[in-house]
Amino acid sequence: MNSEKRLQEMSDFLKAKRSKIHPQMVGLPTGTRRRTPGLRREEVAQLAGVSTTWYTWLEQGRDINVSTSVLDSVSKALQLNMDERKYLYALATGEGTKPELMMENEPKISPSLNKILQELKVCPTIISDRRCNIVGWNEAAANVFLNFAEIDYDKRNLIYLLFARKELKSLAVNWEHFVNGYLAIFRTYYGQYVADPWYDQFIDKMEKEYSEFHDMWNQSEVSSAPEVIIEFRHAKAGKMLFHLTSLQIQGTNELRCSIYTPSEESTTEYKLKKLMENT
């Protein structure tokens, strides 16, 4: 992502966040004749203690000098969480971002990590890289999601598969909530690797092929590790409840381990065992 693209992404991000803050949420009068949802630019400027002109320039993506303290004030005005603040800082300053790194065509996971992966017998687990390419999985994941071994590596991208494969679109009861969690993680990587053109190329391709992606991506959610409860309606096993835990694995490839732990208050573990026995 070059400087122009980085600042444009910051502009889109700020607009999206401003549209989600309603006046009553920050103690401002609702007023009348609001043509767009959320706060006006001058209201954000007022809350942040900066001039309307300066905030307008920031939101327009102009290349202006910004300080940490002012970005803190804007972040508070827009009620950004910690991950969103880090994302804004990276886009606004270009600092704290990582250089473009060469990636293997298919990063290999270590034998010790693979051992851990296979020991999680009743916890469907997926290991992905910083581009959300799937580089490892266990038998439980293959049974609940897809047999990833049958998918070519260049198509084995988690974001792509969530939109492209009908099996995954019908799996999650709340598919949009499920996908938004992974898009939030993907956007975190996007903000970190501003020098890697792969992200812009991938996003452009997804927006052209899937209108749903365009709408969901423009919500601009950011999260490094959301923990959520996911309800699946599996074609063979029926209702299944999982707690999703996302763990970062330290290393040059920045691998992420997504673990789906069966809810103890459900029969999910029993159903998963029966499913695996029958395959």
Protein backbone atom coordinates (compact mmCIF):
# COMPACT_ATOMS: atom_id res chain seq x y z
CA MET A 1 0.00 0.00 0.00
CA ASN A 2 1.62 3.27 -1.08
CA SER A 3 1.20 6.55 0.80
CA GLU A 4 -1.79 7.64 -1.28
CA LYS A 5 -3.56 4.33 -0.76
CA ARG A 6 -2.75 4.34 2.97
CA LEU A 7 -4.26 7.80 3.44
CA GLN A 8 -7.32 6.87 1.38
CA GLU A 9 -7.86 3.84 3.60
CA MET A 10 -7.57 6.11 6.66
CA SER A 11 -10.17 8.43 5.14
CA ASP A 12 -12.59 5.56 4.54
CA PHE A 13 -11.98 4.20 8.04
CA LEU A 14 -12.68 7.52 9.76
CA LYS A 15 -15.84 8.09 7.74
CA ALA A 16 -17.11 4.61 8.57
CA LYS A 17 -16.47 5.07 12.29
CA ARG A 18 -18.00 8.56 12.34
CA SER A 19 -21.18 7.22 10.75
CA LYS A 20 -21.64 4.75 13.61
CA ILE A 21 -21.52 7.32 16.44
CA HIS A 22 -24.88 8.94 17.08
CA PRO A 23 -25.10 12.32 18.87
CA GLN A 24 -26.87 10.92 21.93
CA MET A 25 -24.02 8.43 22.41
CA VAL A 26 -21.62 11.30 23.15
CA GLY A 27 -24.00 13.68 24.92
CA LEU A 28 -24.78 15.91 21.95
CA PRO A 29 -28.29 17.01 20.95
CA THR A 30 -29.80 15.01 18.11
CA GLY A 31 -31.07 18.07 16.28
CA THR A 32 -32.84 17.93 12.96
CA ARG A 33 -32.11 17.88 9.24
CA ARG A 34 -29.34 15.27 9.47
CA ARG A 35 -28.80 14.02 5.96
CA THR A 36 -26.26 11.33 6.90
CA PRO A 37 -26.08 8.89 9.83
CA GLY A 38 -23.72 9.50 12.71
CA LEU A 39 -21.82 12.60 13.74
CA ARG A 40 -20.94 15.55 11.57
CA ARG A 41 -17.28 16.39 11.03
CA GLU A 42 -17.56 19.53 13.13
CA GLU A 43 -18.97 17.50 16.01
CA VAL A 44 -16.03 15.08 15.93
CA ALA A 45 -13.68 18.06 15.86
CA GLN A 46 -15.48 19.58 18.85
CA LEU A 47 -15.25 16.35 20.85
CA ALA A 48 -11.57 15.89 19.94
CA GLY A 49 -10.66 19.51 20.71
CA VAL A 50 -9.30 20.25 17.25
CA SER A 51 -10.37 22.65 14.53
CA THR A 52 -12.99 21.54 12.05
CA THR A 53 -10.61 22.37 9.22
CA TRP A 54 -7.86 20.15 10.64
CA TYR A 55 -10.20 17.21 11.21
CA THR A 56 -11.66 17.66 7.72
CA TRP A 57 -8.19 17.48 6.22
CA LEU A 58 -7.44 14.36 8.29
CA GLU A 59 -10.63 12.65 7.17
CA GLN A 60 -10.01 13.65 3.56
CA GLY A 61 -6.72 11.77 3.74
CA ARG A 62 -4.49 14.77 3.24
CA ASP A 63 -0.81 14.30 4.03
CA ILE A 64 -0.64 16.43 7.18
CA ASN A 65 1.43 16.21 10.34
CA VAL A 66 -0.34 14.37 13.15
CA SER A 67 0.72 13.82 16.74
CA THR A 68 -0.04 10.90 19.03
CA SER A 69 -1.93 13.14 21.43
CA VAL A 70 -4.25 14.46 18.71
CA LEU A 71 -4.85 10.97 17.35
CA ASP A 72 -5.67 9.92 20.92
CA SER A 73 -8.29 12.66 21.08
CA VAL A 74 -9.81 11.67 17.74
CA SER A 75 -9.84 8.03 18.82
CA LYS A 76 -11.71 8.91 22.01
CA ALA A 77 -14.21 11.03 20.10
CA LEU A 78 -14.93 8.11 17.76
CA GLN A 79 -14.94 5.59 20.63
CA LEU A 80 -12.30 3.40 19.00
CA ASN A 81 -11.13 0.27 20.78
CA MET A 82 -7.43 -0.49 21.22
CA ASP A 83 -7.10 -2.46 17.99
CA GLU A 84 -8.87 0.29 16.05
CA ARG A 85 -6.58 2.92 17.58
CA LYS A 86 -3.48 1.00 16.53
CA TYR A 87 -4.94 0.70 13.05
CA LEU A 88 -5.60 4.45 12.85
CA TYR A 89 -2.08 5.29 14.08
CA ALA A 90 -0.52 3.00 11.47
CA LEU A 91 -2.53 4.56 8.66
CA ALA A 92 -2.12 8.15 9.80
CA THR A 93 1.63 8.05 10.42
CA GLY A 94 2.94 5.09 8.43
CA GLU A 95 4.86 4.19 11.59
CA GLY A 96 4.52 0.97 13.52
CA THR A 97 3.90 -0.84 10.27
CA LYS A 98 5.97 -3.73 9.03
CA PRO A 99 7.99 -3.81 5.83
CA GLU A 100 6.96 -6.00 2.94
CA LEU A 101 8.33 -9.44 3.62
CA MET A 102 8.79 -12.24 1.13
CA MET A 103 6.52 -15.15 1.92
CA GLU A 104 6.93 -18.77 1.03
CA ASN A 105 4.48 -20.11 -1.53
CA GLU A 106 3.19 -22.37 1.21
CA PRO A 107 4.64 -21.71 4.68
CA LYS A 108 5.43 -24.90 6.56
CA ILE A 109 4.45 -25.43 10.16
CA SER A 110 6.99 -26.96 12.52
CA PRO A 111 6.72 -30.60 13.63
CA SER A 112 6.08 -29.47 17.22
CA LEU A 113 3.24 -27.18 16.14
CA ASN A 114 1.80 -29.93 13.97
CA LYS A 115 1.91 -32.26 17.00
CA ILE A 116 -0.09 -29.75 19.04
CA LEU A 117 -2.53 -29.34 16.16
CA GLN A 118 -3.21 -33.07 15.90
CA GLU A 119 -3.56 -33.49 19.67
CA LEU A 120 -6.55 -31.13 19.63
CA LYS A 121 -8.68 -34.06 18.57
CA VAL A 122 -12.13 -32.72 19.43
CA CYS A 123 -11.32 -29.07 18.78
CA PRO A 124 -11.48 -28.12 15.09
CA THR A 125 -8.35 -26.03 14.57
CA ILE A 126 -7.06 -24.03 11.62
CA ILE A 127 -3.63 -22.42 11.28
CA SER A 128 -3.39 -19.47 8.89
CA ASP A 129 -0.72 -16.97 7.90
CA ARG A 130 -0.86 -13.16 7.84
CA ARG A 131 -2.73 -13.25 4.53
CA CYS A 132 -5.29 -15.67 5.99
CA ASN A 133 -4.00 -18.49 3.81
CA ILE A 134 -4.68 -21.83 5.49
CA VAL A 135 -1.41 -23.66 6.14
CA GLY A 136 -2.52 -26.27 8.67
CA TRP A 137 -5.60 -27.99 10.08
CA ASN A 138 -6.58 -31.11 11.97
CA GLU A 139 -9.03 -33.92 11.27
CA ALA A 140 -11.75 -32.25 13.31
CA ALA A 141 -11.54 -29.10 11.16
CA ALA A 142 -11.70 -31.15 7.97
CA ASN A 143 -14.91 -32.79 9.22
CA VAL A 144 -16.64 -29.61 10.41
CA PHE A 145 -15.50 -27.23 7.65
CA LEU A 146 -13.93 -28.60 4.47
CA ASN A 147 -11.32 -31.14 3.50
CA PHE A 148 -8.71 -28.47 2.82
CA ALA A 149 -6.33 -31.06 1.39
CA GLU A 150 -8.56 -31.21 -1.70
CA ILE A 151 -8.20 -27.46 -2.31
CA ASP A 152 -5.19 -26.03 -4.15
CA TYR A 153 -3.07 -23.78 -1.98
CA ASP A 154 -3.70 -20.66 -4.11
CA LYS A 155 -7.44 -21.09 -3.42
CA ARG A 156 -7.00 -22.06 0.23
CA ASN A 157 -7.52 -18.58 1.62
CA LEU A 158 -9.91 -18.40 4.56
CA ILE A 159 -11.51 -15.10 3.52
CA TYR A 160 -11.99 -16.28 -0.06
CA LEU A 161 -13.48 -19.63 1.00
CA LEU A 162 -15.99 -18.01 3.37
CA PHE A 163 -17.52 -16.22 0.39
CA ALA A 164 -16.88 -18.76 -2.37
CA ARG A 165 -17.91 -22.08 -0.82
CA LYS A 166 -21.62 -22.69 -0.28
CA GLU A 167 -20.82 -25.27 2.43
CA LEU A 168 -19.28 -22.56 4.59
CA LYS A 169 -22.00 -20.01 3.79
CA SER A 170 -24.65 -22.42 5.04
CA LEU A 171 -22.63 -23.68 8.04
CA ALA A 172 -22.75 -20.72 10.40
CA VAL A 173 -26.22 -19.77 11.70
CA ASN A 174 -25.16 -16.12 11.65
CA TRP A 175 -22.84 -16.18 8.64
CA GLU A 176 -22.29 -12.41 8.57
CA HIS A 177 -21.23 -12.35 12.23
CA PHE A 178 -18.90 -15.29 11.59
CA VAL A 179 -17.30 -13.63 8.55
CA ASN A 180 -17.04 -10.21 10.19
CA GLY A 181 -14.80 -11.71 12.89
CA TYR A 182 -12.30 -12.91 10.30
CA LEU A 183 -12.54 -9.70 8.27
CA ALA A 184 -11.69 -7.77 11.45
CA ILE A 185 -8.55 -9.88 11.88
CA PHE A 186 -7.71 -9.48 8.18
CA ARG A 187 -8.00 -5.69 8.46
CA THR A 188 -5.55 -5.75 11.38
CA TYR A 189 -2.98 -7.41 9.13
CA TYR A 190 -3.86 -4.98 6.34
CA GLY A 191 -2.95 -2.03 8.56
CA GLN A 192 0.34 -3.62 9.63
CA TYR A 193 1.63 -4.50 6.18
CA VAL A 194 1.07 -1.28 4.29
CA ALA A 195 4.01 -2.06 1.98
CA ASP A 196 2.62 -5.37 0.72
CA PRO A 197 0.65 -4.86 -2.53
CA TRP A 198 -0.89 -8.33 -2.21
CA TYR A 199 -3.59 -6.99 0.14
CA ASP A 200 -4.86 -4.33 -2.25
CA GLN A 201 -4.89 -6.81 -5.12
CA PHE A 202 -6.79 -9.38 -3.07
CA ILE A 203 -9.33 -6.84 -1.76
CA ASP A 204 -9.94 -5.46 -5.27
CA LYS A 205 -10.53 -8.97 -6.58
CA MET A 206 -12.93 -9.87 -3.76
CA GLU A 207 -14.91 -6.64 -4.15
CA LYS A 208 -15.35 -7.28 -7.86
CA GLU A 209 -16.45 -10.89 -7.41
CA TYR A 210 -18.58 -10.66 -4.24
CA SER A 211 -20.85 -7.70 -3.53
CA GLU A 212 -21.31 -8.97 0.03
CA PHE A 213 -17.59 -8.62 0.62
CA HIS A 214 -17.69 -4.98 -0.50
CA ASP A 215 -20.48 -4.14 1.94
CA MET A 216 -18.96 -6.01 4.88
CA TRP A 217 -15.41 -4.76 4.27
CA ASN A 218 -16.66 -1.16 4.29
CA GLN A 219 -17.91 -1.62 7.85
CA SER A 220 -14.22 -1.23 8.81
CA GLU A 221 -14.21 -3.51 11.85
CA VAL A 222 -10.79 -4.15 13.42
CA SER A 223 -9.88 -6.80 15.99
CA SER A 224 -6.68 -8.72 16.60
CA ALA A 225 -8.28 -11.68 18.39
CA PRO A 226 -12.06 -11.78 18.81
CA GLU A 227 -13.40 -14.47 21.14
CA VAL A 228 -16.94 -15.44 20.24
CA ILE A 229 -19.47 -18.24 20.49
CA ILE A 230 -20.34 -19.66 17.09
CA GLU A 231 -23.41 -21.76 16.30
CA PHE A 232 -23.13 -24.09 13.34
CA ARG A 233 -25.84 -26.08 11.56
CA HIS A 234 -23.78 -28.92 10.17
CA ALA A 235 -25.26 -30.89 7.27
CA LYS A 236 -24.54 -34.22 8.98
CA ALA A 237 -24.19 -33.44 12.70
CA GLY A 238 -26.88 -30.78 13.13
CA LYS A 239 -26.58 -28.00 15.71
CA MET A 240 -23.07 -27.47 17.08
CA LEU A 241 -21.83 -24.76 19.46
CA PHE A 242 -18.18 -23.71 19.62
CA HIS A 243 -16.13 -21.15 21.51
CA LEU A 244 -13.66 -19.59 19.06
CA THR A 245 -10.27 -18.66 20.48
CA SER A 246 -7.68 -17.02 18.24
CA LEU A 247 -4.00 -17.27 19.23
CA GLN A 248 -1.00 -15.60 17.62
CA ILE A 249 2.02 -17.86 17.06
CA GLN A 250 5.29 -15.97 17.22
CA GLY A 251 7.60 -16.35 14.22
CA THR A 252 8.53 -14.91 10.84
CA ASN A 253 5.30 -16.06 9.16
CA GLU A 254 3.06 -14.67 11.92
CA LEU A 255 0.85 -17.72 12.03
CA ARG A 256 -2.52 -17.65 13.76
CA CYS A 257 -4.20 -20.60 15.43
CA SER A 258 -8.02 -20.54 15.42
CA ILE A 259 -9.37 -23.11 17.87
CA TYR A 260 -13.04 -24.09 18.02
CA THR A 261 -13.70 -25.60 21.44
CA PRO A 262 -17.01 -27.50 21.82
CA SER A 263 -19.35 -25.79 24.27
CA GLU A 264 -19.60 -27.78 27.49
CA GLU A 265 -23.29 -26.87 27.78
CA SER A 266 -24.06 -28.70 24.53
CA THR A 267 -23.74 -32.12 22.92
CA THR A 268 -21.28 -30.77 20.35
CA GLU A 269 -18.31 -32.87 21.45
CA TYR A 270 -20.36 -36.07 21.27
CA LYS A 271 -21.70 -35.14 17.82
CA LEU A 272 -18.20 -34.30 16.57
CA LYS A 273 -16.82 -37.65 17.76
CA LYS A 274 -19.66 -39.53 16.01
CA LEU A 275 -19.08 -37.47 12.86
CA MET A 276 -15.39 -38.35 12.81
CA GLU A 277 -16.10 -42.03 13.45
CA ASN A 278 -18.32 -42.20 10.40
CA THR A 279 -15.81 -40.68 7.96
